[in-house]
Structure formats: C-alpha cells, structure tokens
C-alpha cells in the first residue's frame, strides 16, 4: 500500500537501498547520533529524503498493517519516531564535515596572513619598488609627474607595455637587468628572487577574503546549532558523543576567529603600506603582485637566455675569424710570405696518406652512391659478384696449396 506520490516513493526507495541498513537501523543510528553509521555523503543523501511534516502526518494517520506499507512509507514511519530528526541529522553532518572545513579554512587564513608579512618584509620587492620609482622619476623628469614620492601598485603591471625605440625590449626587461646587479651582490644570488621571498603570494591571490569570512560565520552558526541541540536533547548517547565533538570543535572555531581578526588587522596595515584605499579587497593587492612576479621572473629568464645566445654567437664569430686568419696564414706561407702555420710531422703525414689511399678505394660502397645503387640494384649486384670472385679465388688457392702447385692471383 502506498501513501505518498509514486515519484517520491521511487526516489526515496532507491536512496534507502544504498545505505545497506534496515529502516529501524537507520532510525536508531539517528537517534543515538552514531559517529560511524554514515559517511558525510550518506548523511547529505539522508537529509534530502527525510520526510516532511505532511509526510509524517500521513504515515502516522495510517492504522492498518504496517507490513502492508511500501518501503518508503515504512522508512517514513520509522523516522517519524525519532525526536527532532531533521536537526539531529544536520548535527551529525556538521560533525562529519567539520574536520575538512576547519583544515581548509585554517590553511587559507594562514596563507593570507603569511603573504601579508612576506610582502612587507621582502627585501627583493623593496629593491624592485625602489628602482621602479627611480625609473619613473627619471622618465618623467621634465614633466609635472617627475619627483614623485610613490606610485600606484597597478603601475607595476604597466612596465611591460613600455617598449624601447627598437621594440626589442621593454622597461620591465631593463628593470630586470638592474635587479640582477643587486642580486649579484647578495650572499646567495639564486635565492634573491621575488617568488622565493613570497612563497604564499600565489595562494593568497586565489583566496577571496569575503568568502573566507562567510565560511567562518557559517561554521560558527553550525556549531551553535549543535550546542543548542546538545542542551535540549534527552537521549544520553546523542548528548554524550555530540557533546564531546561540540567542545573540541568550539576551541578550534575560537582559534580560527582569533586568526581571522589578527589577519584583518594585518591586511589593513598592508593596504595602508601600499597607499591603497581601505575598501580595496586583499585579493586585489595579492593578485596584482602575483601577476607582476610572474612577468618579472619571465623577464629575468628571457634576459639570461638572450645573454647566453649572444655569448654563443660571439664564440662562433671568434672561431670563424680565427679560421679565416689561419687560412690566410697558410696561403701567405705557401706564396713565400712570412706568415706560417703548424704543419703535421712525418709520422702524421704517413698515417694521413694511408688513410687517404684507403678512402680512395671506397668507390661505390654501401655509403658512396647508395641512393643510385638502391634505385636500380647495380650496387647490390656488383657487391655480390665481388664476393663470389673472392670465394672462388680462395678455393683455387687452397687446392693448389694442397697439390703442391703454385697459384697466381
């Protein structure tokens, strides 16, 4: 016998079958607030299929044989006997998801707080800001924009758009070369980089501070629901297990709130340090800096690659020039001039002569003329006939030797 609409009965029936528990076992686990009966995904599914007040009234109004009811109706009837089943199940879901949410939020708060400290203490960034201001004042020295005390943070991302007259480089690349001179003075030039001194900048740039605040507020409100339910609940098993969780979770929530408050103050000082309006979102500051760091490191890499290519080109030019001088010297020496070049000794000349003679015999072998030979088969045929001739000569020589005769080849 069905009491609810067919669509609801079908959906709930499918969901219940995935729990691998009877209706009574599910109701009992919710009543006691079991910590091990359900996973967080199962609790989310369970919340979605819990009966509404109308469904509870419908199944409670049934006075017939319970065994005659459908699976969904029997589930609704079992759940209806659990006190405050909606909030009880929600508390179980809060407990199941709290560790992951707390860890993620803590990691974000730490990254933002650390990034704010790293930005203000990075000596590398101060060097870049100093040179940027100096370059700007020099370029604008003849205008009313010269002799500035500072510049907007967004100016950093405009350096790449200021090109040289030959369009081969930009002001950013020039700034990177000035930076390399400062890096060379450091005790560890390899570690003298923007990205190394601000490792948390990327994560801070991807964090939306308002969303983090909203997540913390939701976590606080959720724990308040658990605290209220623990106070009013009459089931000892539920208040015991859920009470332990609420006490431990509350301590972590307080620690997160204190971290958020300190980070807010730190971010306020950071925006003031850059001369940014107070309404500026922290991620805007971090995103601007992170984008600049990526462009700046790319410019440094490009400069080094260009320097390496230029060095190789100079070496090739020098080698080419040295070869030309040697050739000229040889020609002058052969013509009775005064320039001389080192020549191979007698022993070396003998070896070279033998090698030249051997190479002279390699006419139409597997390498020389291979294309023609493979095209018409003449090369392979010639090599085969030569092999047969050698074998015949060898056999004839052996036969003459065995018979005491002489053989001329």
Protein backbone atom coordinates (compact mmCIF):
# COMPACT_ATOMS: atom_id res chain seq x y z
CA UNK A 1 0.00 0.00 0.00
CA UNK A 2 1.39 3.42 -0.99
CA UNK A 3 0.58 6.65 0.85
CA UNK A 4 2.94 9.09 -0.92
CA UNK A 5 3.14 10.03 -4.58
CA UNK A 6 4.89 7.47 -6.84
CA UNK A 7 7.81 9.76 -7.76
CA UNK A 8 8.73 10.39 -4.11
CA UNK A 9 8.29 6.73 -3.27
CA UNK A 10 10.61 5.71 -6.11
CA UNK A 11 13.35 8.24 -5.32
CA UNK A 12 13.35 7.52 -1.59
CA UNK A 13 13.30 3.79 -2.19
CA UNK A 14 16.40 3.96 -4.41
CA UNK A 15 18.25 6.13 -1.86
CA UNK A 16 17.40 3.83 1.06
CA UNK A 17 18.73 0.77 -0.76
CA UNK A 18 22.21 2.37 -0.88
CA UNK A 19 22.54 2.50 2.90
CA UNK A 20 22.59 -1.29 3.30
CA UNK A 21 20.61 -0.86 6.52
CA UNK A 22 17.02 -1.51 7.54
CA UNK A 23 14.61 1.33 8.32
CA UNK A 24 14.88 0.53 12.03
CA UNK A 25 18.70 0.58 11.96
CA UNK A 26 18.74 3.97 10.21
CA UNK A 27 16.29 5.41 12.74
CA UNK A 28 18.30 4.03 15.67
CA UNK A 29 21.59 5.48 14.35
CA UNK A 30 19.99 8.93 14.01
CA UNK A 31 18.51 8.71 17.50
CA UNK A 32 21.89 7.92 19.11
CA UNK A 33 23.86 10.27 16.85
CA UNK A 34 26.18 7.45 15.78
CA UNK A 35 29.64 8.60 14.66
CA UNK A 36 30.34 5.56 12.48
CA UNK A 37 26.97 4.62 10.94
CA UNK A 38 27.11 7.03 8.00
CA UNK A 39 29.64 8.85 5.87
CA UNK A 40 29.29 12.56 5.14
CA UNK A 41 27.93 11.78 1.66
CA UNK A 42 25.36 9.39 3.11
CA UNK A 43 24.25 11.98 5.64
CA UNK A 44 23.78 14.52 2.84
CA UNK A 45 21.64 12.00 0.95
CA UNK A 46 19.73 11.19 4.12
CA UNK A 47 18.87 14.84 4.72
CA UNK A 48 17.45 15.05 1.20
CA UNK A 49 14.99 12.16 1.71
CA UNK A 50 13.82 12.79 5.27
CA UNK A 51 10.01 13.04 5.45
CA UNK A 52 8.32 16.42 5.56
CA UNK A 53 5.79 17.33 8.26
CA UNK A 54 2.99 16.42 5.83
CA UNK A 55 4.58 13.03 5.10
CA UNK A 56 4.87 12.29 8.83
CA UNK A 57 1.23 13.20 9.40
CA UNK A 58 0.20 10.96 6.51
CA UNK A 59 2.03 7.83 7.67
CA UNK A 60 1.06 8.34 11.32
CA UNK A 61 -2.57 8.51 10.27
CA UNK A 62 -2.37 5.00 8.84
CA UNK A 63 -3.99 2.45 11.20
CA UNK A 64 -3.60 -0.68 9.11
CA UNK A 65 -0.99 -3.42 8.99
CA UNK A 66 2.45 -1.78 8.78
CA UNK A 67 3.80 -4.77 6.87
CA UNK A 68 1.44 -3.89 4.03
CA UNK A 69 3.05 -0.46 3.54
CA UNK A 70 5.63 0.26 0.84
CA UNK A 71 9.34 0.58 1.60
CA UNK A 72 9.26 4.37 1.56
CA UNK A 73 6.22 4.56 3.86
CA UNK A 74 7.87 2.17 6.34
CA UNK A 75 11.00 4.34 6.30
CA UNK A 76 8.97 7.50 6.92
CA UNK A 77 7.13 5.81 9.79
CA UNK A 78 10.41 4.70 11.43
CA UNK A 79 11.97 8.16 11.09
CA UNK A 80 8.81 9.81 12.48
CA UNK A 81 9.56 8.12 15.81
CA UNK A 82 12.93 9.90 16.13
CA UNK A 83 12.71 13.16 18.12
CA UNK A 84 13.77 16.25 16.15
CA UNK A 85 15.15 14.02 13.37
CA UNK A 86 15.89 16.93 11.00
CA UNK A 87 18.17 18.91 13.32
CA UNK A 88 19.63 15.70 14.73
CA UNK A 89 20.72 14.53 11.28
CA UNK A 90 22.04 18.00 10.45
CA UNK A 91 24.20 17.94 13.58
CA UNK A 92 25.63 14.60 12.50
CA UNK A 93 26.51 16.08 9.09
CA UNK A 94 28.15 19.11 10.74
CA UNK A 95 30.31 16.78 12.79
CA UNK A 96 31.25 14.66 9.77
CA UNK A 97 32.30 17.64 7.60
CA UNK A 98 33.86 19.86 10.29
CA UNK A 99 37.46 18.49 10.16
CA UNK A 100 37.81 19.09 6.42
CA UNK A 101 36.21 22.54 6.50
CA UNK A 102 38.28 23.62 9.51
CA UNK A 103 41.53 22.44 7.90
CA UNK A 104 40.79 24.22 4.59
CA UNK A 105 39.81 27.46 6.28
CA UNK A 106 42.84 27.35 8.56
CA UNK A 107 45.15 26.84 5.58
CA UNK A 108 43.65 29.84 3.76
CA UNK A 109 43.89 32.12 6.79
CA UNK A 110 47.50 31.11 7.37
CA UNK A 111 48.42 31.70 3.72
CA UNK A 112 46.86 35.18 3.62
CA UNK A 113 48.41 36.20 6.92
CA UNK A 114 51.83 34.87 5.90
CA UNK A 115 51.61 36.55 2.47
CA UNK A 116 50.88 39.92 4.09
CA UNK A 117 54.01 39.55 6.24
CA UNK A 118 56.14 38.33 3.33
CA UNK A 119 55.18 41.26 1.12
CA UNK A 120 56.12 43.84 3.74
CA UNK A 121 59.41 42.17 4.67
CA UNK A 122 60.63 41.12 1.20
CA UNK A 123 63.90 42.91 0.50
CA UNK A 124 63.67 41.82 -3.13
CA UNK A 125 60.34 43.58 -3.54
CA UNK A 126 61.71 46.74 -1.94
CA UNK A 127 64.58 46.75 -4.44
CA UNK A 128 62.12 46.44 -7.33
CA UNK A 129 59.90 49.21 -5.94
CA UNK A 130 62.91 51.46 -5.41
CA UNK A 131 64.19 51.03 -8.97
CA UNK A 132 60.68 51.39 -10.41
CA UNK A 133 60.20 54.72 -8.65
CA UNK A 134 63.65 55.91 -9.75
CA UNK A 135 63.00 54.93 -13.38
CA UNK A 136 59.61 56.64 -13.35
CA UNK A 137 61.03 59.85 -11.93
CA UNK A 138 63.82 59.82 -14.49
CA UNK A 139 61.50 59.24 -17.45
CA UNK A 140 59.06 61.89 -16.20
CA UNK A 141 61.75 64.27 -15.03
CA UNK A 142 60.81 67.01 -17.48
CA UNK A 143 57.08 66.83 -16.71
CA UNK A 144 54.89 67.56 -13.72
CA UNK A 145 54.86 63.81 -12.97
CA UNK A 146 58.53 63.79 -12.03
CA UNK A 147 59.94 63.86 -8.50
CA UNK A 148 57.09 61.63 -7.26
CA UNK A 149 57.14 60.21 -3.73
CA UNK A 150 55.49 56.97 -4.85
CA UNK A 151 53.29 55.29 -7.43
CA UNK A 152 50.15 53.18 -7.62
CA UNK A 153 50.60 49.45 -7.20
CA UNK A 154 48.90 48.79 -10.54
CA UNK A 155 51.77 50.64 -12.26
CA UNK A 156 53.93 47.53 -11.87
CA UNK A 157 51.87 45.68 -14.46
CA UNK A 158 52.29 48.55 -16.96
CA UNK A 159 56.08 48.24 -17.14
CA UNK A 160 55.81 45.52 -19.77
CA UNK A 161 53.91 47.87 -22.08
CA UNK A 162 56.68 50.50 -22.14
CA UNK A 163 58.88 49.42 -25.06
CA UNK A 164 62.24 50.62 -26.33
CA UNK A 165 62.58 52.55 -29.59
CA UNK A 166 63.61 49.39 -31.48
CA UNK A 167 60.77 47.35 -29.92
CA UNK A 168 63.26 44.65 -28.89
CA UNK A 169 62.93 45.13 -25.14
CA UNK A 170 60.71 46.74 -22.52
CA UNK A 171 61.12 48.73 -19.37
CA UNK A 172 60.40 45.54 -17.43
CA UNK A 173 63.41 43.81 -19.02
CA UNK A 174 65.58 46.81 -18.26
CA UNK A 175 64.37 46.74 -14.65
CA UNK A 176 65.22 43.04 -14.50
CA UNK A 177 68.79 43.80 -15.60
CA UNK A 178 69.17 46.41 -12.86
CA UNK A 179 67.80 43.86 -10.41
CA UNK A 180 70.43 41.29 -11.48
CA UNK A 181 73.16 43.70 -10.37
CA UNK A 182 71.63 43.79 -6.88
CA UNK A 183 71.19 40.01 -6.91
CA UNK A 184 74.90 39.58 -7.72
CA UNK A 185 75.75 41.43 -4.51
CA UNK A 186 73.70 39.03 -2.36
CA UNK A 187 75.34 36.21 -0.44
CA UNK A 188 73.08 33.75 -2.28
CA UNK A 189 72.12 35.20 -5.68
CA UNK A 190 69.93 32.20 -6.56
CA UNK A 191 67.63 32.83 -3.59
CA UNK A 192 67.45 36.57 -4.28
CA UNK A 193 64.13 36.33 -6.13
CA UNK A 194 60.64 37.67 -5.63
CA UNK A 195 58.96 34.28 -5.72
CA UNK A 196 61.38 32.81 -3.17
CA UNK A 197 60.77 35.60 -0.64
CA UNK A 198 56.96 35.49 -1.08
CA UNK A 199 56.01 31.77 -1.32
CA UNK A 200 52.43 32.25 -0.05
CA UNK A 201 51.59 35.01 -2.52
CA UNK A 202 50.01 32.69 -5.12
CA UNK A 203 47.58 31.07 -2.69
CA UNK A 204 46.69 34.43 -1.17
CA UNK A 205 45.93 35.75 -4.67
CA UNK A 206 43.47 32.87 -5.23
CA UNK A 207 41.69 33.42 -1.90
CA UNK A 208 38.54 35.56 -1.78
CA UNK A 209 38.65 37.15 1.67
CA UNK A 210 34.91 37.85 1.91
CA UNK A 211 34.15 34.22 1.14
CA UNK A 212 36.55 33.08 3.86
CA UNK A 213 34.75 35.32 6.34
CA UNK A 214 31.39 33.91 5.23
CA UNK A 215 32.67 30.34 5.63
CA UNK A 216 33.84 31.06 9.16
CA UNK A 217 30.48 32.65 10.02
CA UNK A 218 28.66 29.56 8.70
CA UNK A 219 30.92 27.29 10.72
CA UNK A 220 30.21 29.31 13.87
CA UNK A 221 26.45 29.20 13.25
CA UNK A 222 26.56 25.44 12.62
CA UNK A 223 28.38 24.80 15.90
CA UNK A 224 25.78 26.94 17.66
CA UNK A 225 23.07 24.61 16.35
CA UNK A 226 24.95 21.61 17.70
CA UNK A 227 25.37 23.31 21.09
CA UNK A 228 21.66 24.08 21.29
CA UNK A 229 20.65 20.52 20.38
CA UNK A 230 23.01 19.04 22.94
CA UNK A 231 21.41 21.20 25.66
CA UNK A 232 17.81 20.24 24.84
CA UNK A 233 18.27 16.61 23.82
CA UNK A 234 17.19 13.85 26.19
CA UNK A 235 18.99 10.89 24.59
CA UNK A 236 22.15 10.17 26.58
CA UNK A 237 24.01 8.51 23.71
CA UNK A 238 23.44 11.55 21.49
CA UNK A 239 24.36 14.20 24.07
CA UNK A 240 27.48 12.27 25.06
CA UNK A 241 29.03 11.80 21.60
CA UNK A 242 27.81 15.09 20.16
CA UNK A 243 28.79 16.96 23.32
CA UNK A 244 32.41 15.80 23.06
CA UNK A 245 32.55 16.95 19.46
CA UNK A 246 30.99 20.33 20.25
CA UNK A 247 33.53 21.06 23.00
CA UNK A 248 36.56 20.21 20.83
CA UNK A 249 35.16 21.97 17.75
CA UNK A 250 34.38 25.12 19.70
CA UNK A 251 38.03 25.51 20.71
CA UNK A 252 39.13 25.26 17.08
CA UNK A 253 36.44 27.71 15.97
CA UNK A 254 37.64 30.24 18.55
CA UNK A 255 41.22 29.83 17.30
CA UNK A 256 40.08 30.44 13.71
CA UNK A 257 38.15 33.55 14.75
CA UNK A 258 41.21 34.97 16.53
CA UNK A 259 43.38 34.22 13.48
CA UNK A 260 40.85 35.96 11.23
CA UNK A 261 40.83 39.06 13.47
CA UNK A 262 44.63 39.31 13.51
CA UNK A 263 44.82 38.80 9.74
CA UNK A 264 42.22 41.53 9.17
CA UNK A 265 44.42 43.96 11.10
CA UNK A 266 47.49 42.82 9.17
CA UNK A 267 45.72 43.31 5.83
CA UNK A 268 44.61 46.79 6.86
CA UNK A 269 48.23 47.74 7.54
CA UNK A 270 49.31 46.21 4.22
CA UNK A 271 46.84 48.33 2.25
CA UNK A 272 47.97 51.42 4.15
CA UNK A 273 51.61 50.49 3.43
CA UNK A 274 50.85 50.49 -0.31
CA UNK A 275 48.66 53.59 -0.08
CA UNK A 276 45.63 51.61 -1.26
CA UNK A 277 42.08 52.60 -0.25
CA UNK A 278 40.72 50.73 2.75
CA UNK A 279 37.84 49.34 0.65
CA UNK A 280 40.32 47.54 -1.64
CA UNK A 281 39.91 43.79 -1.32
CA UNK A 282 43.05 41.94 -0.17
CA UNK A 283 42.98 39.58 -3.15
CA UNK A 284 43.26 42.59 -5.49
CA UNK A 285 46.56 43.55 -3.88
CA UNK A 286 47.87 39.99 -3.90
CA UNK A 287 46.71 39.33 -7.48
CA UNK A 288 48.46 42.46 -8.76
CA UNK A 289 51.69 41.50 -7.03
CA UNK A 290 51.46 37.86 -8.13
CA UNK A 291 50.92 38.78 -11.78
CA UNK A 292 53.88 41.14 -11.61
CA UNK A 293 56.11 38.48 -10.03
CA UNK A 294 55.27 36.08 -12.87
CA UNK A 295 56.07 38.69 -15.52
CA UNK A 296 59.24 39.80 -13.74
CA UNK A 297 60.62 36.28 -13.35
CA UNK A 298 59.81 35.63 -17.00
CA UNK A 299 61.71 38.79 -17.98
CA UNK A 300 64.73 37.68 -15.93
CA UNK A 301 64.68 34.29 -17.65
CA UNK A 302 64.40 35.93 -21.06
CA UNK A 303 67.38 38.20 -20.34
CA UNK A 304 69.51 35.23 -19.32
CA UNK A 305 68.55 33.30 -22.45
CA UNK A 306 69.39 36.26 -24.66
CA UNK A 307 72.73 36.73 -22.91
CA UNK A 308 73.55 33.04 -23.43
CA UNK A 309 72.66 33.24 -27.12
CA UNK A 310 74.75 36.38 -27.54
CA UNK A 311 77.70 34.70 -25.84
CA UNK A 312 77.45 31.69 -28.14
CA UNK A 313 77.23 33.94 -31.18
CA UNK A 314 80.37 35.79 -30.11
CA UNK A 315 82.18 32.47 -29.68
CA UNK A 316 81.09 31.35 -33.15
CA UNK A 317 82.18 34.66 -34.65
CA UNK A 318 85.54 34.41 -32.88
CA UNK A 319 86.05 30.85 -34.10
CA UNK A 320 85.12 31.85 -37.64
CA UNK A 321 87.53 34.79 -37.52
CA UNK A 322 90.31 32.54 -36.18
CA UNK A 323 89.72 30.08 -39.04
CA UNK A 324 89.98 32.86 -41.58
CA UNK A 325 93.28 34.06 -40.13
CA UNK A 326 94.69 30.52 -40.24
CA UNK A 327 93.64 30.09 -43.87
CA UNK A 328 95.21 33.42 -44.77
CA UNK A 329 98.39 32.46 -42.93
CA UNK A 330 98.63 29.19 -44.85
CA UNK A 331 98.14 30.93 -48.17
CA UNK A 332 100.79 33.51 -47.32
CA UNK A 333 103.25 30.84 -46.26
CA UNK A 334 102.76 28.88 -49.49
CA UNK A 335 103.29 32.03 -51.52
CA UNK A 336 106.61 32.83 -49.94
CA UNK A 337 105.18 35.15 -47.29
CA UNK A 338 106.30 35.46 -43.71
CA UNK A 339 103.20 34.00 -42.05
CA UNK A 340 103.49 30.36 -41.07
CA UNK A 341 101.13 27.73 -39.70
CA UNK A 342 101.91 24.49 -37.91
CA UNK A 343 102.08 21.51 -40.28
CA UNK A 344 101.86 17.78 -39.43
CA UNK A 345 105.10 15.89 -38.87
CA UNK A 346 106.38 12.99 -41.00
CA UNK A 347 104.71 10.30 -38.85
CA UNK A 348 101.35 12.04 -39.00
CA UNK A 349 101.72 12.56 -42.75
CA UNK A 350 102.31 8.81 -43.23
CA UNK A 351 99.14 7.93 -41.37
CA UNK A 352 97.15 10.53 -43.28
CA UNK A 353 98.50 9.26 -46.59
CA UNK A 354 97.49 5.67 -45.80
CA UNK A 355 94.04 6.82 -44.76
CA UNK A 356 93.66 8.87 -47.93
CA UNK A 357 94.67 5.86 -50.06
CA UNK A 358 92.18 3.60 -48.27
CA UNK A 359 89.40 6.12 -48.70
CA UNK A 360 90.24 6.43 -52.38
CA UNK A 361 89.39 2.74 -52.90
CA UNK A 362 85.88 3.17 -51.42
CA UNK A 363 84.25 3.74 -54.75
CA UNK A 364 80.58 2.84 -54.83
CA UNK A 365 80.47 1.05 -51.44
CA UNK A 366 77.41 0.90 -49.16
CA UNK A 367 77.60 4.60 -48.38
CA UNK A 368 79.07 6.15 -51.53
CA UNK A 369 76.46 6.15 -54.29
CA UNK A 370 73.98 4.26 -52.07
CA UNK A 371 70.99 6.12 -53.48
CA UNK A 372 71.78 5.10 -57.07
CA UNK A 373 72.61 1.56 -56.06
CA UNK A 374 69.35 1.04 -54.19
CA UNK A 375 67.38 2.59 -57.01
CA UNK A 376 68.49 0.19 -59.80
CA UNK A 377 70.12 -2.73 -57.98
CA UNK A 378 73.55 -2.34 -59.60
CA UNK A 379 75.31 -1.70 -56.31
CA UNK A 380 73.99 -4.85 -54.65
CA UNK A 381 74.74 -6.95 -57.76
CA UNK A 382 78.31 -5.64 -58.01
CA UNK A 383 78.96 -6.39 -54.33
CA UNK A 384 77.57 -9.92 -54.74
CA UNK A 385 79.75 -10.69 -57.81
CA UNK A 386 82.82 -9.39 -56.00
CA UNK A 387 82.05 -11.71 -53.09
CA UNK A 388 81.72 -14.72 -55.41
CA UNK A 389 85.04 -13.89 -57.10
CA UNK A 390 86.85 -13.74 -53.74
CA UNK A 391 85.40 -17.09 -52.66
CA UNK A 392 86.46 -18.74 -55.97
CA UNK A 393 89.96 -17.39 -55.70
CA UNK A 394 90.24 -18.61 -52.12
CA UNK A 395 89.16 -22.16 -53.08
CA UNK A 396 91.58 -22.28 -56.02
CA UNK A 397 94.44 -21.13 -53.83
CA UNK A 398 93.63 -23.79 -51.27
CA UNK A 399 93.51 -26.53 -53.87
CA UNK A 400 96.88 -25.53 -55.38
CA UNK A 401 98.45 -25.44 -51.94
CA UNK A 402 97.20 -28.93 -51.19
CA UNK A 403 98.54 -30.26 -54.52
CA UNK A 404 101.93 -28.55 -54.19
CA UNK A 405 101.31 -26.27 -57.17
CA UNK A 406 101.51 -22.55 -57.33
CA UNK A 407 98.78 -20.09 -57.81
CA UNK A 408 98.84 -16.58 -59.09
CA UNK A 409 96.11 -14.19 -58.14
